[in-house]
Amino acid sequence: MNISGKRTFAMTFIVLAAIAMITSVSARTSTAYAQGASGTWQLTVETQGGTGNPSVTLKQEGEEITGTYKGRFGDAPLKGTIKGNEIQFTISINAQGQDLKIEYNGTVDGSTMKGKVKFGEMAEGTFTGKKE
């Protein structure tokens, strides 16, 4: 093999190695977020009306989240999404004869999450969560 052929071979090898490294890092990052969201979370919700401590059990499949809310408003199913570390999920409940949609929007960082919560048009607040 001449010098030109060796250079071409070396450049091809470097490009392929770089692609392999990028693919590997991307796959590990996606897996880390998936593992970080699934599980049972103890939440602290703070609004002008007071503080509550519901729990949510989350199961992630791809970017979709399903699970269960347990708290002041009883038990209810939840649905949402996670993209990167951005999480959002919604719970629809009946509170004292009124349908109420509770929306959580936040970020997941390992075994913690935090963000904002909206109780339909009635109230807004913040939440923090810790994975059990």
N, C-alpha and C. Protein backbone atom coordinates (compact mmCIF):
# COMPACT_ATOMS: atom_id res chain seq x y z
N MET A 1 0.85 -1.17 0.00
CA MET A 1 0.00 0.00 0.00
C MET A 1 0.90 1.24 0.00
N ASN A 2 0.58 2.20 -0.87
CA ASN A 2 1.39 3.42 -0.93
C ASN A 2 0.95 4.41 0.15
N ILE A 3 1.63 5.55 0.25
CA ILE A 3 1.37 6.55 1.30
C ILE A 3 -0.05 7.10 1.17
N SER A 4 -0.50 7.37 -0.05
CA SER A 4 -1.85 7.91 -0.26
C SER A 4 -2.91 6.92 0.22
N GLY A 5 -2.70 5.64 -0.07
CA GLY A 5 -3.64 4.61 0.38
C GLY A 5 -3.68 4.49 1.89
N LYS A 6 -2.51 4.63 2.54
CA LYS A 6 -2.45 4.56 4.00
C LYS A 6 -3.20 5.74 4.62
N ARG A 7 -3.06 6.92 4.03
CA ARG A 7 -3.77 8.10 4.56
C ARG A 7 -5.28 7.92 4.43
N THR A 8 -5.72 7.44 3.28
CA THR A 8 -7.15 7.21 3.07
C THR A 8 -7.68 6.19 4.07
N PHE A 9 -6.94 5.12 4.28
CA PHE A 9 -7.34 4.10 5.25
C PHE A 9 -7.42 4.69 6.65
N ALA A 10 -6.41 5.48 7.03
CA ALA A 10 -6.38 6.08 8.37
C ALA A 10 -7.55 7.04 8.56
N MET A 11 -7.85 7.87 7.57
CA MET A 11 -8.97 8.82 7.67
C MET A 11 -10.30 8.07 7.78
N THR A 12 -10.47 7.02 6.99
CA THR A 12 -11.69 6.23 7.05
C THR A 12 -11.85 5.61 8.44
N PHE A 13 -10.78 5.09 8.98
CA PHE A 13 -10.81 4.49 10.32
C PHE A 13 -11.20 5.52 11.37
N ILE A 14 -10.64 6.72 11.30
CA ILE A 14 -10.94 7.79 12.27
C ILE A 14 -12.40 8.19 12.19
N VAL A 15 -12.93 8.36 10.98
CA VAL A 15 -14.34 8.74 10.80
C VAL A 15 -15.26 7.66 11.36
N LEU A 16 -14.99 6.40 11.07
CA LEU A 16 -15.82 5.31 11.58
C LEU A 16 -15.76 5.22 13.10
N ALA A 17 -14.59 5.44 13.68
CA ALA A 17 -14.46 5.41 15.14
C ALA A 17 -15.26 6.55 15.77
N ALA A 18 -15.23 7.73 15.17
CA ALA A 18 -15.99 8.87 15.69
C ALA A 18 -17.49 8.60 15.63
N ILE A 19 -17.97 8.03 14.53
CA ILE A 19 -19.39 7.69 14.41
C ILE A 19 -19.79 6.67 15.47
N ALA A 20 -18.97 5.67 15.69
CA ALA A 20 -19.27 4.66 16.71
C ALA A 20 -19.35 5.28 18.10
N MET A 21 -18.45 6.22 18.41
CA MET A 21 -18.47 6.86 19.73
C MET A 21 -19.72 7.71 19.91
N ILE A 22 -20.12 8.47 18.90
CA ILE A 22 -21.31 9.31 18.99
C ILE A 22 -22.55 8.45 19.19
N THR A 23 -22.67 7.37 18.44
CA THR A 23 -23.81 6.47 18.57
C THR A 23 -23.86 5.86 19.96
N SER A 24 -22.73 5.46 20.50
CA SER A 24 -22.67 4.86 21.83
C SER A 24 -23.10 5.84 22.91
N VAL A 25 -22.63 7.08 22.85
CA VAL A 25 -22.99 8.10 23.84
C VAL A 25 -24.47 8.41 23.76
N SER A 26 -25.01 8.53 22.55
CA SER A 26 -26.43 8.82 22.36
C SER A 26 -27.30 7.72 22.95
N ALA A 27 -26.95 6.47 22.72
CA ALA A 27 -27.72 5.35 23.26
C ALA A 27 -27.68 5.32 24.77
N ARG A 28 -26.52 5.59 25.38
CA ARG A 28 -26.42 5.60 26.84
C ARG A 28 -27.23 6.74 27.44
N THR A 29 -27.24 7.90 26.80
CA THR A 29 -27.98 9.05 27.31
C THR A 29 -29.47 8.75 27.30
N SER A 30 -30.01 8.20 26.21
CA SER A 30 -31.43 7.88 26.15
C SER A 30 -31.80 6.85 27.20
N THR A 31 -30.97 5.85 27.41
CA THR A 31 -31.24 4.83 28.41
C THR A 31 -31.23 5.43 29.81
N ALA A 32 -30.33 6.35 30.08
CA ALA A 32 -30.26 6.96 31.41
C ALA A 32 -31.54 7.71 31.73
N TYR A 33 -32.10 8.45 30.77
CA TYR A 33 -33.35 9.16 31.02
C TYR A 33 -34.48 8.17 31.25
N ALA A 34 -34.52 7.09 30.44
CA ALA A 34 -35.59 6.11 30.61
C ALA A 34 -35.54 5.49 31.99
N GLN A 35 -34.36 5.12 32.46
CA GLN A 35 -34.24 4.51 33.77
C GLN A 35 -34.54 5.52 34.86
N GLY A 36 -34.25 6.80 34.64
CA GLY A 36 -34.48 7.83 35.64
C GLY A 36 -35.95 8.14 35.85
N ALA A 37 -36.81 7.97 34.84
CA ALA A 37 -38.22 8.34 34.96
C ALA A 37 -39.07 7.21 35.52
N SER A 38 -38.79 5.98 35.18
CA SER A 38 -39.62 4.86 35.64
C SER A 38 -39.44 4.63 37.13
N GLY A 39 -40.54 4.37 37.82
CA GLY A 39 -40.49 4.09 39.25
C GLY A 39 -41.53 4.88 40.02
N THR A 40 -41.46 4.79 41.34
CA THR A 40 -42.39 5.51 42.22
C THR A 40 -41.72 6.77 42.75
N TRP A 41 -42.41 7.87 42.65
CA TRP A 41 -41.91 9.19 43.05
C TRP A 41 -42.79 9.76 44.15
N GLN A 42 -42.16 10.26 45.20
CA GLN A 42 -42.86 10.99 46.26
C GLN A 42 -42.74 12.47 45.92
N LEU A 43 -43.89 13.13 45.75
CA LEU A 43 -43.90 14.53 45.35
C LEU A 43 -44.28 15.44 46.51
N THR A 44 -43.80 16.65 46.46
CA THR A 44 -44.25 17.73 47.34
C THR A 44 -44.78 18.82 46.43
N VAL A 45 -46.07 19.12 46.55
CA VAL A 45 -46.73 20.12 45.72
C VAL A 45 -47.06 21.31 46.60
N GLU A 46 -46.65 22.49 46.16
CA GLU A 46 -46.92 23.71 46.92
C GLU A 46 -47.74 24.68 46.07
N THR A 47 -48.89 25.10 46.64
CA THR A 47 -49.75 26.10 46.01
C THR A 47 -50.11 27.14 47.06
N GLN A 48 -50.82 28.19 46.64
CA GLN A 48 -51.28 29.19 47.61
C GLN A 48 -52.24 28.57 48.61
N GLY A 49 -52.92 27.49 48.21
CA GLY A 49 -53.88 26.82 49.08
C GLY A 49 -53.25 25.85 50.06
N GLY A 50 -51.95 25.62 49.97
CA GLY A 50 -51.29 24.70 50.89
C GLY A 50 -50.34 23.75 50.19
N THR A 51 -49.92 22.75 50.96
CA THR A 51 -48.94 21.77 50.48
C THR A 51 -49.57 20.38 50.47
N GLY A 52 -49.27 19.60 49.45
CA GLY A 52 -49.73 18.22 49.36
C GLY A 52 -48.57 17.30 49.06
N ASN A 53 -48.76 16.01 49.35
CA ASN A 53 -47.69 15.03 49.14
C ASN A 53 -48.19 13.79 48.42
N PRO A 54 -48.59 13.93 47.14
CA PRO A 54 -49.01 12.75 46.40
C PRO A 54 -47.81 11.91 45.97
N SER A 55 -48.10 10.72 45.49
CA SER A 55 -47.06 9.90 44.86
C SER A 55 -47.54 9.55 43.45
N VAL A 56 -46.58 9.36 42.57
CA VAL A 56 -46.88 8.90 41.22
C VAL A 56 -45.97 7.73 40.91
N THR A 57 -46.54 6.73 40.26
CA THR A 57 -45.76 5.60 39.78
C THR A 57 -45.72 5.71 38.26
N LEU A 58 -44.52 5.82 37.71
CA LEU A 58 -44.35 6.06 36.28
C LEU A 58 -43.74 4.85 35.59
N LYS A 59 -44.20 4.62 34.37
CA LYS A 59 -43.61 3.59 33.50
C LYS A 59 -43.36 4.25 32.15
N GLN A 60 -42.12 4.18 31.69
CA GLN A 60 -41.77 4.80 30.42
C GLN A 60 -41.53 3.76 29.36
N GLU A 61 -42.11 4.01 28.18
CA GLU A 61 -41.85 3.21 26.98
C GLU A 61 -41.55 4.19 25.86
N GLY A 62 -40.29 4.28 25.49
CA GLY A 62 -39.89 5.30 24.51
C GLY A 62 -40.06 6.67 25.13
N GLU A 63 -40.81 7.54 24.45
CA GLU A 63 -41.07 8.87 24.99
C GLU A 63 -42.41 8.95 25.72
N GLU A 64 -43.16 7.84 25.76
CA GLU A 64 -44.48 7.83 26.40
C GLU A 64 -44.38 7.40 27.85
N ILE A 65 -45.18 8.07 28.69
CA ILE A 65 -45.25 7.74 30.11
C ILE A 65 -46.69 7.41 30.46
N THR A 66 -46.86 6.33 31.21
CA THR A 66 -48.15 5.99 31.80
C THR A 66 -47.90 5.74 33.28
N GLY A 67 -48.97 5.72 34.05
CA GLY A 67 -48.78 5.45 35.47
C GLY A 67 -50.01 5.75 36.29
N THR A 68 -49.78 5.91 37.59
CA THR A 68 -50.86 6.11 38.55
C THR A 68 -50.50 7.23 39.52
N TYR A 69 -51.48 8.08 39.77
CA TYR A 69 -51.39 9.15 40.78
C TYR A 69 -52.12 8.66 42.02
N LYS A 70 -51.55 8.89 43.20
CA LYS A 70 -52.21 8.59 44.47
C LYS A 70 -52.02 9.80 45.38
N GLY A 71 -53.13 10.39 45.80
CA GLY A 71 -53.00 11.57 46.64
C GLY A 71 -54.33 12.07 47.15
N ARG A 72 -54.38 13.33 47.46
CA ARG A 72 -55.55 13.99 48.04
C ARG A 72 -56.81 13.76 47.21
N PHE A 73 -56.66 13.64 45.91
CA PHE A 73 -57.82 13.47 45.02
C PHE A 73 -58.11 12.01 44.72
N GLY A 74 -57.54 11.09 45.47
CA GLY A 74 -57.76 9.66 45.25
C GLY A 74 -56.71 9.08 44.31
N ASP A 75 -57.06 7.98 43.68
CA ASP A 75 -56.17 7.32 42.72
C ASP A 75 -56.67 7.62 41.31
N ALA A 76 -55.75 7.87 40.39
CA ALA A 76 -56.14 8.16 39.01
C ALA A 76 -55.01 7.79 38.07
N PRO A 77 -55.36 7.35 36.85
CA PRO A 77 -54.32 7.06 35.86
C PRO A 77 -53.71 8.37 35.35
N LEU A 78 -52.48 8.28 34.87
CA LEU A 78 -51.83 9.45 34.28
C LEU A 78 -51.20 9.06 32.96
N LYS A 79 -51.03 10.07 32.10
CA LYS A 79 -50.38 9.88 30.80
C LYS A 79 -49.51 11.09 30.53
N GLY A 80 -48.41 10.87 29.81
CA GLY A 80 -47.54 11.98 29.49
C GLY A 80 -46.41 11.59 28.57
N THR A 81 -45.39 12.46 28.54
CA THR A 81 -44.23 12.23 27.69
C THR A 81 -42.96 12.66 28.42
N ILE A 82 -41.85 12.12 27.96
CA ILE A 82 -40.53 12.58 28.40
C ILE A 82 -39.66 12.70 27.16
N LYS A 83 -39.03 13.85 27.02
CA LYS A 83 -38.13 14.10 25.89
C LYS A 83 -36.86 14.67 26.47
N GLY A 84 -35.78 13.90 26.39
CA GLY A 84 -34.55 14.29 27.08
C GLY A 84 -34.81 14.22 28.56
N ASN A 85 -34.62 15.32 29.26
CA ASN A 85 -34.95 15.33 30.69
C ASN A 85 -36.22 16.11 30.98
N GLU A 86 -36.93 16.56 29.93
CA GLU A 86 -38.18 17.30 30.09
C GLU A 86 -39.34 16.31 30.21
N ILE A 87 -40.09 16.42 31.30
CA ILE A 87 -41.20 15.52 31.55
C ILE A 87 -42.50 16.31 31.67
N GLN A 88 -43.57 15.72 31.18
CA GLN A 88 -44.90 16.29 31.37
C GLN A 88 -45.88 15.13 31.49
N PHE A 89 -46.81 15.27 32.44
CA PHE A 89 -47.88 14.28 32.54
C PHE A 89 -49.14 14.94 33.05
N THR A 90 -50.29 14.31 32.70
CA THR A 90 -51.60 14.87 33.01
C THR A 90 -52.43 13.82 33.72
N ILE A 91 -53.20 14.30 34.70
CA ILE A 91 -54.11 13.46 35.46
C ILE A 91 -55.49 14.09 35.34
N SER A 92 -56.50 13.29 35.03
CA SER A 92 -57.88 13.78 35.00
C SER A 92 -58.63 13.14 36.15
N ILE A 93 -59.21 13.97 37.02
CA ILE A 93 -59.90 13.47 38.20
C ILE A 93 -61.25 14.16 38.33
N ASN A 94 -62.07 13.63 39.24
CA ASN A 94 -63.33 14.27 39.60
C ASN A 94 -63.19 14.71 41.05
N ALA A 95 -63.14 16.02 41.26
CA ALA A 95 -62.98 16.58 42.60
C ALA A 95 -64.27 17.26 43.02
N GLN A 96 -64.95 16.69 43.98
CA GLN A 96 -66.19 17.24 44.51
C GLN A 96 -67.21 17.51 43.41
N GLY A 97 -67.35 16.55 42.50
CA GLY A 97 -68.33 16.66 41.43
C GLY A 97 -67.88 17.44 40.21
N GLN A 98 -66.66 17.94 40.21
CA GLN A 98 -66.15 18.69 39.06
C GLN A 98 -64.97 17.96 38.43
N ASP A 99 -65.00 17.88 37.10
CA ASP A 99 -63.86 17.30 36.39
C ASP A 99 -62.69 18.27 36.46
N LEU A 100 -61.52 17.76 36.79
CA LEU A 100 -60.34 18.59 36.95
C LEU A 100 -59.16 17.93 36.25
N LYS A 101 -58.45 18.72 35.47
CA LYS A 101 -57.25 18.25 34.77
C LYS A 101 -56.04 18.84 35.49
N ILE A 102 -55.16 17.98 35.98
CA ILE A 102 -53.94 18.41 36.68
C ILE A 102 -52.76 18.16 35.73
N GLU A 103 -51.99 19.22 35.46
CA GLU A 103 -50.88 19.12 34.52
C GLU A 103 -49.55 19.39 35.23
N TYR A 104 -48.63 18.44 35.13
CA TYR A 104 -47.28 18.57 35.67
C TYR A 104 -46.32 18.78 34.51
N ASN A 105 -45.44 19.78 34.61
CA ASN A 105 -44.39 20.03 33.61
C ASN A 105 -43.10 20.31 34.36
N GLY A 106 -42.05 19.53 34.06
CA GLY A 106 -40.81 19.73 34.79
C GLY A 106 -39.63 19.04 34.14
N THR A 107 -38.60 18.84 34.96
CA THR A 107 -37.38 18.18 34.51
C THR A 107 -37.00 17.07 35.48
N VAL A 108 -36.41 16.02 34.93
CA VAL A 108 -35.91 14.89 35.71
C VAL A 108 -34.39 14.99 35.72
N ASP A 109 -33.80 14.83 36.91
CA ASP A 109 -32.34 14.84 37.05
C ASP A 109 -31.97 13.70 37.99
N GLY A 110 -31.70 12.53 37.41
CA GLY A 110 -31.37 11.36 38.24
C GLY A 110 -32.56 10.92 39.06
N SER A 111 -32.45 11.00 40.38
CA SER A 111 -33.53 10.56 41.27
C SER A 111 -34.36 11.73 41.80
N THR A 112 -34.28 12.89 41.14
CA THR A 112 -35.10 14.03 41.54
C THR A 112 -35.81 14.60 40.32
N MET A 113 -36.93 15.27 40.58
CA MET A 113 -37.61 16.01 39.54
C MET A 113 -38.21 17.26 40.16
N LYS A 114 -38.42 18.27 39.33
CA LYS A 114 -39.03 19.51 39.81
C LYS A 114 -39.69 20.22 38.65
N GLY A 115 -40.66 21.09 38.99
CA GLY A 115 -41.32 21.83 37.93
C GLY A 115 -42.54 22.56 38.42
N LYS A 116 -43.48 22.77 37.50
CA LYS A 116 -44.70 23.50 37.79
C LYS A 116 -45.90 22.58 37.62
N VAL A 117 -46.95 22.87 38.38
CA VAL A 117 -48.18 22.10 38.31
C VAL A 117 -49.34 23.07 38.16
N LYS A 118 -50.32 22.67 37.35
CA LYS A 118 -51.49 23.51 37.12
C LYS A 118 -52.74 22.67 37.37
N PHE A 119 -53.65 23.20 38.18
CA PHE A 119 -54.90 22.54 38.52
C PHE A 119 -56.02 23.18 37.71
N GLY A 120 -56.14 22.82 36.44
CA GLY A 120 -57.13 23.44 35.57
C GLY A 120 -56.98 24.95 35.60
N GLU A 121 -58.11 25.64 35.76
CA GLU A 121 -58.10 27.10 35.87
C GLU A 121 -58.11 27.54 37.33
N MET A 122 -58.09 26.57 38.26
CA MET A 122 -58.27 26.88 39.68
C MET A 122 -57.00 27.37 40.38
N ALA A 123 -55.88 26.73 40.12
CA ALA A 123 -54.67 27.06 40.88
C ALA A 123 -53.43 26.61 40.12
N GLU A 124 -52.30 27.18 40.51
CA GLU A 124 -51.00 26.79 39.99
C GLU A 124 -50.04 26.68 41.15
N GLY A 125 -48.97 25.94 40.93
CA GLY A 125 -47.97 25.81 41.98
C GLY A 125 -46.70 25.20 41.44
N THR A 126 -45.88 24.75 42.36
CA THR A 126 -44.62 24.10 42.01
C THR A 126 -44.59 22.71 42.65
N PHE A 127 -43.74 21.87 42.11
CA PHE A 127 -43.57 20.54 42.71
C PHE A 127 -42.10 20.14 42.68
N THR A 128 -41.74 19.32 43.64
CA THR A 128 -40.45 18.63 43.65
C THR A 128 -40.75 17.16 43.88
N GLY A 129 -39.87 16.29 43.45
CA GLY A 129 -40.08 14.87 43.63
C GLY A 129 -38.78 14.14 43.87
N LYS A 130 -38.91 13.06 44.61
CA LYS A 130 -37.76 12.20 44.90
C LYS A 130 -38.17 10.77 44.61
N LYS A 131 -37.34 10.06 43.88
CA LYS A 131 -37.62 8.68 43.53
C LYS A 131 -37.35 7.78 44.72
N GLU A 132 -38.27 6.85 44.96
CA GLU A 132 -38.09 5.90 46.07
C GLU A 132 -37.00 4.90 45.75
